Amino acid sequence: MRSSDFLSLKPLGGDELEDLLEEAMRLKNEGTKGQRPLSGKAVGLLFEKPSTRTRVSFEVAVLKLGGHPVVLSGAELQLGRGETVEDTGRVLSRYLDGLVVRTFGQDRLEALAAAADVPVINALTDLCHPCQALADMLTILEYKGTIRGLKLAYVGDGNNVAHSLMRAGTKLGLHVTVSTPPGREPLEEIVSECREYTTIYDSSLELLNDPMVGAADADVIYTDVWVSMGQDTGDESAVASEFARFRVDEKMVAAAGTDVIVMHCLPAHRGQEITDEVIDGSRSAVWDQAENRLHAQVALLAMIYG
C-alpha cells in the first residue's frame, strides 16, 4: 500500500488521527482560505454501492480544494461486464489523479489500489468505513471538547462501521463498548487488533450482548442499521425480533450520562434501530455528524495532496 492510500484506519497512529481531526476542525471553522491542492487535478469517485452522504460530501470536498470530481458507477463501467478491478485501476490511473472507491470486499479495494498508480481512498467496504469514523470522531470532539477518557457505546450489528469506530476509538483514548445480539459480534481479527491498541493508548474495549449495560453512563450512544447494505437477509421479521432489544429509544438514552449525545451514520430506519423521538431529540448529534463527513474528507484530501 502506498503511503498516500487511505484504505483503512489500521496504518494510522493515534497522533496522526489527532492531527487529522485538528485540521478538520480548523478547516470547518476557518474554511480552506484559498488552499487548492487539487487545482488542475481530477479525482474519480467510483461507486459500486448506492450512496448519498459519501458521494455528495466527497464531490463537494474535491471542488472545495480546486479539483474536478468525476463520478463513476460500477454498472456504467466495464466492471459491470467482467473487466477486473486491477485492469480498471491501471486504466483509470492514466486519466485521474486519485480514486475514491465504495465497493464490496476489502480485498477488491486493495486489489484495485495495488494496481493503481494514484492515491486510493476507501469510501466504504464490507469490512470498514474509515471516512465515517473520522467524521464521527470529529463530531465527538466538537460536542465534548475532548475524546480521551469518554465512553462510547455502540449498539447494533458488529459491522463495518463498528470496526472503524473500534479502530478510531481505541487509538484516541475512548472507552468503547460494542453491544450486539449473540452471533453478531465484530470480527475477531478486528477485536484482537483493537485490544492491542488499548494497551498503547490507555483506552478500553468491551464486547457485550446487553445494550442497556453497554449504554450505562455513556457519553456517546451510537447505532447503525440492523442489516448492512448488500447483506439483506430477506426475513425482516426475524431480524426485527433478533434486534428488538437494541433499539435506541428514550429508555436507553436515560440510562446513559446526563449529557449523552446520540449518533447514527445514516440512512436511518426510523422505528427500527432508533426512534423518532431520539433521532429528532435534543440529544441527537446526527445532522452535525452527517455534515462532518464533508469537513473530515476535506482534511483527508488536503493531507494526501498537499
Protein backbone atom coordinates (compact mmCIF):
# COMPACT_ATOMS: atom_id res chain seq x y z
CA MET A 1 0.00 0.00 0.00
CA ARG A 2 1.29 3.47 -0.87
CA SER A 3 1.57 5.94 1.99
CA SER A 4 -0.86 8.15 0.06
CA ASP A 5 -3.56 5.46 0.05
CA PHE A 6 -6.27 5.52 2.72
CA LEU A 7 -7.70 2.01 2.74
CA SER A 8 -8.40 1.70 6.47
CA LEU A 9 -7.53 3.28 9.80
CA LYS A 10 -5.15 0.44 10.65
CA PRO A 11 -1.91 2.11 9.46
CA LEU A 12 -2.57 5.43 11.25
CA GLY A 13 -1.29 6.08 14.75
CA GLY A 14 -3.25 7.94 17.38
CA ASP A 15 -1.15 11.08 16.91
CA GLU A 16 -1.82 11.06 13.16
CA LEU A 17 -5.55 10.76 13.78
CA GLU A 18 -5.40 13.65 16.24
CA ASP A 19 -3.57 15.81 13.71
CA LEU A 20 -6.14 14.98 11.04
CA LEU A 21 -9.04 15.84 13.35
CA GLU A 22 -7.38 19.09 14.39
CA GLU A 23 -7.01 20.08 10.74
CA ALA A 24 -10.63 19.09 10.01
CA MET A 25 -11.82 21.27 12.88
CA ARG A 26 -9.71 24.18 11.63
CA LEU A 27 -11.00 23.82 8.09
CA LYS A 28 -14.59 23.66 9.32
CA ASN A 29 -14.19 26.81 11.37
CA GLU A 30 -11.96 28.83 9.05
CA GLY A 31 -12.56 27.40 5.58
CA THR A 32 -9.85 26.45 3.10
CA LYS A 33 -8.66 30.08 2.78
CA GLY A 34 -7.71 29.62 -0.85
CA GLN A 35 -5.89 26.33 -0.35
CA ARG A 36 -6.30 24.46 -3.64
CA PRO A 37 -4.03 21.40 -3.58
CA LEU A 38 -6.30 19.71 -6.12
CA SER A 39 -6.12 22.55 -8.65
CA GLY A 40 -5.84 21.07 -12.12
CA LYS A 41 -6.47 17.56 -10.80
CA ALA A 42 -9.34 15.16 -11.47
CA VAL A 43 -10.46 12.69 -8.80
CA GLY A 44 -12.63 9.71 -9.70
CA LEU A 45 -15.48 8.76 -7.36
CA LEU A 46 -16.19 5.10 -8.12
CA PHE A 47 -19.38 3.75 -6.55
CA GLU A 48 -20.37 0.11 -6.77
CA LYS A 49 -22.89 0.65 -3.94
CA PRO A 50 -25.56 3.35 -3.60
CA SER A 51 -24.59 6.49 -1.72
CA THR A 52 -25.98 9.82 -0.57
CA ARG A 53 -23.68 11.36 2.04
CA THR A 54 -20.44 9.78 0.83
CA ARG A 55 -20.94 10.74 -2.80
CA VAL A 56 -22.10 14.31 -2.21
CA SER A 57 -19.59 15.08 0.56
CA PHE A 58 -16.64 13.80 -1.47
CA GLU A 59 -17.78 15.58 -4.62
CA VAL A 60 -18.05 18.87 -2.72
CA ALA A 61 -14.75 18.24 -0.88
CA VAL A 62 -12.90 17.81 -4.18
CA LEU A 63 -14.47 21.01 -5.52
CA LYS A 64 -13.56 22.97 -2.37
CA LEU A 65 -9.91 22.03 -2.87
CA GLY A 66 -9.93 23.12 -6.51
CA GLY A 67 -10.28 19.72 -8.17
CA HIS A 68 -12.73 18.20 -10.62
CA PRO A 69 -14.75 15.21 -9.38
CA VAL A 70 -15.57 12.50 -11.93
CA VAL A 71 -18.44 10.37 -10.64
CA LEU A 72 -18.34 6.78 -11.88
CA SER A 73 -20.88 3.99 -11.40
CA GLY A 74 -19.67 0.41 -11.42
CA ALA A 75 -22.68 -0.52 -13.53
CA GLU A 76 -21.68 2.05 -16.16
CA LEU A 77 -18.08 0.87 -16.41
CA GLN A 78 -16.69 -2.28 -17.97
CA LEU A 79 -16.51 -3.59 -14.39
CA GLY A 80 -20.16 -4.42 -14.91
CA ARG A 81 -19.19 -6.63 -17.88
CA GLY A 82 -16.37 -8.56 -16.26
CA GLU A 83 -13.28 -6.33 -16.51
CA THR A 84 -11.06 -6.94 -13.50
CA VAL A 85 -10.63 -4.32 -10.79
CA GLU A 86 -6.88 -4.46 -11.44
CA ASP A 87 -7.31 -3.52 -15.10
CA THR A 88 -9.78 -0.82 -14.13
CA GLY A 89 -7.29 0.62 -11.64
CA ARG A 90 -4.47 0.62 -14.20
CA VAL A 91 -6.55 2.39 -16.83
CA LEU A 92 -8.16 4.97 -14.56
CA SER A 93 -4.72 5.87 -13.22
CA ARG A 94 -3.84 7.10 -16.72
CA TYR A 95 -6.70 9.63 -16.62
CA LEU A 96 -7.18 10.57 -12.98
CA ASP A 97 -5.12 11.89 -10.08
CA GLY A 98 -6.91 9.84 -7.45
CA LEU A 99 -9.73 7.38 -6.81
CA VAL A 100 -12.37 7.34 -4.08
CA VAL A 101 -13.93 3.88 -4.09
CA ARG A 102 -17.10 2.49 -2.48
CA THR A 103 -17.23 -1.25 -3.06
CA PHE A 104 -17.90 -4.66 -1.52
CA GLY A 105 -14.98 -6.74 -0.26
CA GLN A 106 -11.90 -5.12 1.25
CA ASP A 107 -9.83 -7.44 -0.93
CA ARG A 108 -11.45 -5.89 -4.01
CA LEU A 109 -10.44 -2.40 -2.88
CA GLU A 110 -6.90 -3.50 -2.07
CA ALA A 111 -6.51 -5.24 -5.43
CA LEU A 112 -7.55 -2.05 -7.21
CA ALA A 113 -5.19 0.04 -5.08
CA ALA A 114 -2.28 -2.31 -5.74
CA ALA A 115 -2.77 -1.92 -9.50
CA ALA A 116 -3.41 1.83 -9.48
CA ASP A 117 -0.66 4.44 -9.68
CA VAL A 118 -2.66 7.17 -7.89
CA PRO A 119 -3.93 7.54 -4.30
CA VAL A 120 -6.93 5.35 -3.49
CA ILE A 121 -9.37 6.22 -0.68
CA ASN A 122 -11.80 3.80 0.95
CA ALA A 123 -15.29 5.29 0.80
CA LEU A 124 -16.77 2.09 2.33
CA THR A 125 -16.22 -1.63 2.06
CA ASP A 126 -17.96 -4.53 3.77
CA LEU A 127 -15.06 -4.62 6.25
CA CYS A 128 -14.68 -0.98 7.26
CA HIS A 129 -15.82 2.61 6.78
CA PRO A 130 -12.84 4.76 7.81
CA CYS A 131 -14.07 8.11 6.46
CA GLN A 132 -17.25 7.73 8.51
CA ALA A 133 -15.19 7.11 11.65
CA LEU A 134 -13.17 10.28 11.01
CA ALA A 135 -16.38 12.31 10.86
CA ASP A 136 -17.65 10.55 13.98
CA MET A 137 -14.55 11.38 15.99
CA LEU A 138 -14.70 14.98 14.73
CA THR A 139 -18.31 15.20 15.95
CA ILE A 140 -17.44 13.88 19.41
CA LEU A 141 -14.55 16.33 19.65
CA GLU A 142 -16.80 19.17 18.56
CA TYR A 143 -19.53 18.37 21.10
CA LYS A 144 -17.37 17.31 24.04
CA GLY A 145 -14.19 19.32 23.59
CA THR A 146 -12.16 16.14 24.01
CA ILE A 147 -12.22 12.47 23.08
CA ARG A 148 -9.83 10.86 25.52
CA GLY A 149 -11.46 9.23 28.54
CA LEU A 150 -15.03 9.33 27.22
CA LYS A 151 -17.27 6.27 26.90
CA LEU A 152 -18.73 5.42 23.50
CA ALA A 153 -21.47 2.78 23.47
CA TYR A 154 -22.09 1.24 20.06
CA VAL A 155 -25.40 -0.66 19.86
CA GLY A 156 -26.44 -2.92 16.98
CA ASP A 157 -24.71 -5.05 14.37
CA GLY A 158 -20.95 -5.63 14.58
CA ASN A 159 -20.48 -4.36 11.04
CA ASN A 160 -18.05 -2.24 9.01
CA VAL A 161 -19.00 0.94 10.88
CA ALA A 162 -18.40 -0.77 14.22
CA HIS A 163 -14.99 -1.98 13.02
CA SER A 164 -13.83 1.52 12.11
CA LEU A 165 -15.28 3.05 15.28
CA MET A 166 -13.36 0.48 17.32
CA ARG A 167 -10.12 1.26 15.50
CA ALA A 168 -10.51 5.02 15.82
CA GLY A 169 -11.82 4.98 19.36
CA THR A 170 -9.18 2.71 20.85
CA LYS A 171 -6.42 4.79 19.21
CA LEU A 172 -7.87 8.05 20.54
CA GLY A 173 -8.32 7.02 24.17
CA LEU A 174 -12.03 6.19 24.17
CA HIS A 175 -13.63 3.51 26.32
CA VAL A 176 -15.65 1.60 23.74
CA THR A 177 -18.44 -0.88 24.40
CA VAL A 178 -19.93 -2.80 21.49
CA SER A 179 -23.30 -4.37 22.26
CA THR A 180 -24.66 -6.82 19.69
CA PRO A 181 -27.03 -9.79 19.58
CA PRO A 182 -25.22 -13.11 20.08
CA GLY A 183 -23.52 -14.11 16.85
CA ARG A 184 -23.48 -10.54 15.52
CA GLU A 185 -20.21 -9.53 17.17
CA PRO A 186 -17.46 -7.71 15.25
CA LEU A 187 -14.85 -9.84 13.50
CA GLU A 188 -12.42 -11.39 15.95
CA GLU A 189 -9.42 -10.21 13.94
CA ILE A 190 -10.54 -6.59 14.37
CA VAL A 191 -11.31 -7.15 18.05
CA SER A 192 -7.84 -8.60 18.67
CA GLU A 193 -6.21 -5.75 16.78
CA CYS A 194 -8.09 -3.13 18.80
CA ARG A 195 -7.33 -4.84 22.11
CA GLU A 196 -3.67 -4.28 21.29
CA TYR A 197 -4.38 -0.57 20.79
CA THR A 198 -5.95 -0.35 24.25
CA THR A 199 -2.60 -1.23 25.81
CA ILE A 200 -0.85 1.51 23.83
CA TYR A 201 -3.37 4.35 24.02
CA ASP A 202 -4.89 3.88 27.51
CA SER A 203 -8.29 3.03 26.09
CA SER A 204 -10.59 0.05 26.54
CA LEU A 205 -12.84 -2.24 24.51
CA GLU A 206 -15.66 -4.40 25.84
CA LEU A 207 -18.00 -6.67 23.88
CA LEU A 208 -21.46 -7.24 25.33
CA ASN A 209 -24.81 -8.75 24.44
CA ASP A 210 -26.82 -6.46 26.72
CA PRO A 211 -27.35 -3.00 25.20
CA MET A 212 -28.58 -1.41 28.43
CA VAL A 213 -25.40 -2.44 30.22
CA GLY A 214 -23.35 -1.09 27.31
CA ALA A 215 -25.19 2.24 27.33
CA ALA A 216 -24.94 2.80 31.09
CA ASP A 217 -23.16 6.10 31.84
CA ALA A 218 -22.15 6.51 28.19
CA ASP A 219 -21.07 9.89 26.85
CA VAL A 220 -21.98 8.80 23.32
CA ILE A 221 -24.54 6.24 22.10
CA TYR A 222 -24.02 5.19 18.50
CA THR A 223 -26.14 2.95 16.30
CA ASP A 224 -26.45 1.87 12.68
CA VAL A 225 -28.90 -0.08 10.55
CA TRP A 226 -29.53 -3.63 11.70
CA VAL A 227 -28.68 -5.12 8.30
CA SER A 228 -25.82 -3.57 6.35
CA MET A 229 -26.02 -2.65 2.67
CA GLY A 230 -25.75 -5.66 0.40
CA GLN A 231 -26.32 -8.12 3.24
CA ASP A 232 -30.11 -8.23 3.27
CA THR A 233 -31.46 -11.47 4.74
CA GLY A 234 -34.93 -11.25 3.24
CA ASP A 235 -36.51 -12.16 6.61
CA GLU A 236 -37.29 -8.77 8.10
CA SER A 237 -39.44 -10.14 10.93
CA ALA A 238 -36.64 -12.41 12.14
CA VAL A 239 -34.16 -9.53 12.09
CA ALA A 240 -36.61 -7.27 13.95
CA SER A 241 -37.06 -9.92 16.63
CA GLU A 242 -33.32 -10.50 16.97
CA PHE A 243 -32.50 -6.80 17.34
CA ALA A 244 -35.60 -5.57 19.20
CA ARG A 245 -33.68 -5.01 22.47
CA PHE A 246 -31.07 -2.98 20.60
CA ARG A 247 -33.36 -0.16 19.51
CA VAL A 248 -32.03 3.20 20.73
CA ASP A 249 -35.02 4.75 22.48
CA GLU A 250 -35.61 7.22 25.29
CA LYS A 251 -35.21 4.50 27.92
CA MET A 252 -31.72 3.66 26.65
CA VAL A 253 -30.77 7.33 26.45
CA ALA A 254 -31.93 7.78 30.06
CA ALA A 255 -29.54 5.02 31.15
CA ALA A 256 -26.59 6.95 29.76
CA GLY A 257 -24.79 10.02 31.08
CA THR A 258 -26.76 13.20 31.66
CA ASP A 259 -25.04 14.94 28.75
CA VAL A 260 -25.02 11.96 26.36
CA ILE A 261 -25.15 12.59 22.63
CA VAL A 262 -26.68 10.13 20.17
CA MET A 263 -25.13 9.36 16.79
CA HIS A 264 -26.20 7.44 13.68
CA CYS A 265 -24.24 7.27 10.43
CA LEU A 266 -27.44 7.27 8.32
CA PRO A 267 -29.53 6.32 6.49
CA ALA A 268 -31.76 5.58 9.48
CA HIS A 269 -34.63 3.13 9.52
CA ARG A 270 -36.76 5.09 11.93
CA GLY A 271 -38.63 2.93 14.41
CA GLN A 272 -36.17 0.09 13.96
CA GLU A 273 -32.66 0.80 15.26
CA ILE A 274 -33.61 4.29 16.51
CA THR A 275 -36.87 6.05 17.39
CA ASP A 276 -38.11 9.34 16.01
CA GLU A 277 -38.03 10.85 19.49
CA VAL A 278 -34.31 10.17 19.83
CA ILE A 279 -33.04 11.00 16.35
CA ASP A 280 -35.03 14.26 16.34
CA GLY A 281 -34.48 14.97 20.03
CA SER A 282 -32.24 17.35 21.92
CA ARG A 283 -29.51 14.71 22.40
CA SER A 284 -29.15 13.97 18.70
CA ALA A 285 -25.87 14.92 17.02
CA VAL A 286 -26.85 13.11 13.83
CA TRP A 287 -27.13 16.08 11.49
CA ASP A 288 -23.84 17.64 12.58
CA GLN A 289 -22.31 14.19 12.24
CA ALA A 290 -23.55 13.98 8.65
CA GLU A 291 -22.17 17.45 7.86
CA ASN A 292 -18.81 16.50 9.33
CA ARG A 293 -18.33 13.91 6.61
CA LEU A 294 -17.52 16.87 4.36
CA HIS A 295 -15.05 18.55 6.72
CA ALA A 296 -13.22 15.34 7.63
CA GLN A 297 -12.82 14.46 3.97
CA VAL A 298 -11.60 17.92 3.01
CA ALA A 299 -8.89 17.47 5.67
CA LEU A 300 -8.09 13.96 4.43
CA LEU A 301 -7.74 15.09 0.81
CA ALA A 302 -5.64 18.08 1.86
CA MET A 303 -3.35 15.75 3.82
CA ILE A 304 -2.93 13.39 0.85
CA TYR A 305 -2.46 16.05 -1.81
CA GLY A 306 -0.75 18.83 -0.12
